[in-house]
Structures are given as C-alpha cells and as structure tokens.
C-alpha cells in the first residue's frame, strides 16, 4: 500500500508541474495579447519532430528579430503546420513579443491566448487527486488491509488457513454433487 500511495503522490507532483507550466504559458500569452510589440522576424532554420503528442508532428521555426530597443534576438518558436510550411529559410514572418520579456514570442497575424496546456494539466491533476482519494478511502474502509485475499501460494486456495492481514481463505468441503 505504501508503494501505491507513493506512486499516487509522485503522479500528483508531476501533474502539478504540468498544470503550473500550463499556467505560465497561459499567463505569458495573456500578457502578449495585452501588450505585444509586432515586428518582422527572419527565419533562419526550420525543424519538425515526428510522433509528438497524440502522434502528431511538432513544428518549430528559428527566427531572428530585433526588439524596439535595438537588441538582436533569436528564438525557437513552436508553430502550426500552415505557418511552418508557408515559411521558408531566409524568408520573413510576422512576429509578436513582449517588451518586458522578449523570450515570450508568437508567430502569426495576431497573438493568441493559449489555454490548452493549462487545462490538460488541471485535468491530469484532478485525476491524480481522485485516484489518491480513492486509494485513501479504500485503505481507511478496509482498515489498512487489502480488500480481497492476495494469492501468495497455491496452498491458500486448497484448504490450509492462510492469514493475509485479517482475511482468512478456506475452501469449503462439499459432501456431494449439488
């Protein structure tokens, strides 16, 4: 049971990390929608990763741009399929960045609020909390012992008493055909 609880709490910690990362992405994209600076970026490289989330490819552009203060920046930006295939190395793309944090960048006609990663993280976190609550409930209900007999050896099923926690397993002897 301790291993099960440890696994549940590790799962909760990991999903909480996903939810937090999703929240950061949502917060940054919301700031970007409110206070974005637009500029033209020069595509210096493209790449794609096959078999990403849900078996789909993930597309990236490496874009060089200059901020309004004149600082040269280079960013690797995750983009959609249509932006990836319309961009050519050496070409230009419309780019939006935050003046307070030029690492927050989106490519496209206008910046969009990104919610998906945060929602997925929250759903996974809720699932992890639900499974943990179910495990704790079963543990409390059954007094810290497993709800069904665990077959440790064949002898536990042929009539010898075998104590597993508080559970005794015995086979009934039958007098004759039923």
Protein backbone atom coordinates (compact mmCIF):
# COMPACT_ATOMS: atom_id res chain seq x y z
CA UNK A 1 0.00 0.00 0.00
CA UNK A 2 2.85 2.37 0.76
CA UNK A 3 4.16 1.93 -2.78
CA UNK A 4 0.70 2.72 -4.14
CA UNK A 5 0.46 5.89 -2.06
CA UNK A 6 3.97 6.91 -3.07
CA UNK A 7 3.09 6.38 -6.73
CA UNK A 8 -0.09 8.45 -6.36
CA UNK A 9 1.74 11.32 -4.70
CA UNK A 10 4.52 11.24 -7.29
CA UNK A 11 1.85 11.36 -10.01
CA UNK A 12 0.22 14.33 -8.28
CA UNK A 13 3.57 16.14 -8.08
CA UNK A 14 4.28 15.57 -11.78
CA UNK A 15 0.81 16.66 -12.88
CA UNK A 16 1.01 19.71 -10.63
CA UNK A 17 4.19 20.59 -12.53
CA UNK A 18 2.31 20.22 -15.84
CA UNK A 19 -0.51 22.41 -14.53
CA UNK A 20 1.99 25.05 -13.36
CA UNK A 21 3.83 25.07 -16.71
CA UNK A 22 0.46 25.40 -18.48
CA UNK A 23 -0.46 28.28 -16.20
CA UNK A 24 2.83 30.06 -17.00
CA UNK A 25 2.19 29.61 -20.75
CA UNK A 26 -1.38 30.93 -20.37
CA UNK A 27 -0.23 33.91 -18.27
CA UNK A 28 2.52 34.83 -20.73
CA UNK A 29 0.22 34.52 -23.75
CA UNK A 30 -2.37 36.69 -21.99
CA UNK A 31 0.29 39.35 -21.37
CA UNK A 32 1.33 39.03 -25.00
CA UNK A 33 -2.23 39.67 -26.22
CA UNK A 34 -2.47 42.75 -23.98
CA UNK A 35 0.98 44.29 -24.57
CA UNK A 36 2.56 42.78 -27.68
CA UNK A 37 5.04 44.52 -29.94
CA UNK A 38 4.94 43.44 -33.57
CA UNK A 39 7.97 43.12 -35.79
CA UNK A 40 9.23 41.15 -38.75
CA UNK A 41 11.36 38.10 -37.99
CA UNK A 42 13.78 36.42 -40.36
CA UNK A 43 13.51 32.62 -40.50
CA UNK A 44 16.99 31.14 -40.04
CA UNK A 45 16.03 27.46 -39.65
CA UNK A 46 13.07 25.10 -39.53
CA UNK A 47 12.65 21.74 -37.80
CA UNK A 48 9.96 19.21 -37.05
CA UNK A 49 9.69 16.39 -34.55
CA UNK A 50 7.69 13.35 -35.61
CA UNK A 51 5.33 11.46 -33.36
CA UNK A 52 4.81 14.15 -30.74
CA UNK A 53 1.75 14.43 -28.58
CA UNK A 54 -1.09 12.25 -29.89
CA UNK A 55 1.13 11.04 -32.73
CA UNK A 56 1.22 14.42 -34.41
CA UNK A 57 4.31 16.19 -35.68
CA UNK A 58 5.52 19.30 -33.86
CA UNK A 59 6.90 22.16 -35.95
CA UNK A 60 9.45 24.82 -35.00
CA UNK A 61 10.89 27.93 -36.62
CA UNK A 62 14.15 29.53 -35.55
CA UNK A 63 13.55 33.26 -36.01
CA UNK A 64 15.96 36.19 -35.66
CA UNK A 65 14.43 39.58 -34.86
CA UNK A 66 15.26 42.93 -33.38
CA UNK A 67 13.42 44.41 -30.39
CA UNK A 68 12.24 48.02 -30.28
CA UNK A 69 15.31 48.82 -28.16
CA UNK A 70 17.58 47.51 -30.94
CA UNK A 71 18.64 44.26 -29.25
CA UNK A 72 19.09 41.32 -31.64
CA UNK A 73 17.30 38.14 -30.51
CA UNK A 74 16.95 34.62 -31.81
CA UNK A 75 14.07 32.39 -30.70
CA UNK A 76 12.91 28.87 -31.44
CA UNK A 77 9.13 29.06 -31.72
CA UNK A 78 6.58 26.25 -31.85
CA UNK A 79 4.23 26.95 -34.78
CA UNK A 80 1.28 25.37 -36.54
CA UNK A 81 1.54 23.24 -39.67
CA UNK A 82 0.40 26.00 -42.05
CA UNK A 83 2.87 28.58 -40.66
CA UNK A 84 5.68 26.00 -40.85
CA UNK A 85 5.03 25.13 -44.50
CA UNK A 86 4.48 28.72 -45.58
CA UNK A 87 7.77 29.87 -44.01
CA UNK A 88 10.99 29.48 -45.94
CA UNK A 89 14.54 29.71 -44.64
CA UNK A 90 15.66 33.24 -45.38
CA UNK A 91 12.06 34.46 -45.55
CA UNK A 92 10.18 36.64 -43.09
CA UNK A 93 7.28 36.07 -40.70
CA UNK A 94 5.06 38.37 -38.63
CA UNK A 95 6.25 38.16 -35.03
CA UNK A 96 4.85 39.36 -31.69
CA UNK A 97 6.94 39.64 -28.50
CA UNK A 98 6.69 41.09 -25.01
CA UNK A 99 8.90 44.16 -24.49
CA UNK A 100 9.37 43.23 -20.81
CA UNK A 101 10.42 39.65 -21.73
CA UNK A 102 11.46 39.21 -25.39
CA UNK A 103 11.67 35.43 -24.87
CA UNK A 104 7.85 35.34 -24.93
CA UNK A 105 7.22 35.20 -28.69
CA UNK A 106 4.43 34.10 -31.03
CA UNK A 107 4.34 33.97 -34.82
CA UNK A 108 1.20 34.88 -36.75
CA UNK A 109 -1.11 37.69 -37.73
CA UNK A 110 -2.02 38.35 -34.10
CA UNK A 111 -1.09 36.80 -30.73
CA UNK A 112 -3.48 34.24 -29.23
CA UNK A 113 -4.19 33.19 -25.65
CA UNK A 114 -3.01 29.61 -25.12
CA UNK A 115 -5.13 27.62 -22.67
CA UNK A 116 -4.74 24.01 -23.76
CA UNK A 117 -1.64 23.07 -21.73
CA UNK A 118 -3.11 24.56 -18.55
CA UNK A 119 -6.45 22.78 -19.00
CA UNK A 120 -4.74 19.45 -19.68
CA UNK A 121 -2.52 19.88 -16.62
CA UNK A 122 -5.53 20.63 -14.43
CA UNK A 123 -7.43 17.60 -15.76
CA UNK A 124 -4.43 15.31 -15.08
CA UNK A 125 -4.01 16.83 -11.62
CA UNK A 126 -7.70 16.28 -10.82
CA UNK A 127 -7.40 12.66 -11.99
CA UNK A 128 -4.35 12.12 -9.77
CA UNK A 129 -6.10 13.62 -6.75
CA UNK A 130 -9.17 11.48 -7.45
CA UNK A 131 -7.16 8.26 -7.66
CA UNK A 132 -5.30 9.14 -4.47
CA UNK A 133 -8.58 9.90 -2.67
CA UNK A 134 -9.95 6.55 -3.84
CA UNK A 135 -6.84 4.75 -2.55
CA UNK A 136 -7.01 6.51 0.81
CA UNK A 137 -10.75 5.77 1.06
CA UNK A 138 -10.20 2.08 0.38
CA UNK A 139 -7.34 1.98 2.86
CA UNK A 140 -9.47 3.59 5.59
CA UNK A 141 -12.55 1.47 4.79
CA UNK A 142 -10.63 -1.80 4.88
CA UNK A 143 -8.60 -0.88 7.95
CA UNK A 144 -5.27 -0.78 6.17
CA UNK A 145 -5.63 -4.29 4.73
CA UNK A 146 -6.29 -5.35 1.15
CA UNK A 147 -9.97 -5.78 0.29
CA UNK A 148 -9.52 -9.20 -1.35
CA UNK A 149 -7.26 -12.09 -0.44
CA UNK A 150 -3.97 -12.00 -2.24
CA UNK A 151 -2.86 -15.37 -3.54
CA UNK A 152 0.57 -15.85 -2.02
CA UNK A 153 0.78 -19.55 -2.75
CA UNK A 154 -1.34 -22.37 -4.07
CA UNK A 155 -1.90 -23.65 -0.53
CA UNK A 156 -4.05 -20.62 0.21
CA UNK A 157 -6.70 -21.99 -2.14
CA UNK A 158 -6.79 -25.65 -1.12
CA UNK A 159 -7.90 -25.51 2.46
CA UNK A 160 -4.96 -24.52 4.60
CA UNK A 161 -5.68 -21.39 6.57
CA UNK A 162 -3.59 -18.52 5.37
CA UNK A 163 -3.81 -15.22 7.15
CA UNK A 164 -3.32 -12.16 5.00
CA UNK A 165 -3.93 -9.24 7.29
CA UNK A 166 -7.30 -10.15 8.77
CA UNK A 167 -8.52 -12.17 5.80
CA UNK A 168 -8.80 -15.96 6.03
CA UNK A 169 -9.16 -18.03 2.90
CA UNK A 170 -10.60 -21.55 3.07
CA UNK A 171 -12.20 -23.78 0.53
CA UNK A 172 -15.46 -25.37 1.59
CA UNK A 173 -15.61 -29.12 1.51
CA UNK A 174 -18.60 -30.41 -0.30
CA UNK A 175 -20.36 -33.64 0.64
CA UNK A 176 -21.58 -34.47 -2.79
CA UNK A 177 -22.84 -33.16 -6.06
CA UNK A 178 -25.21 -30.22 -5.88
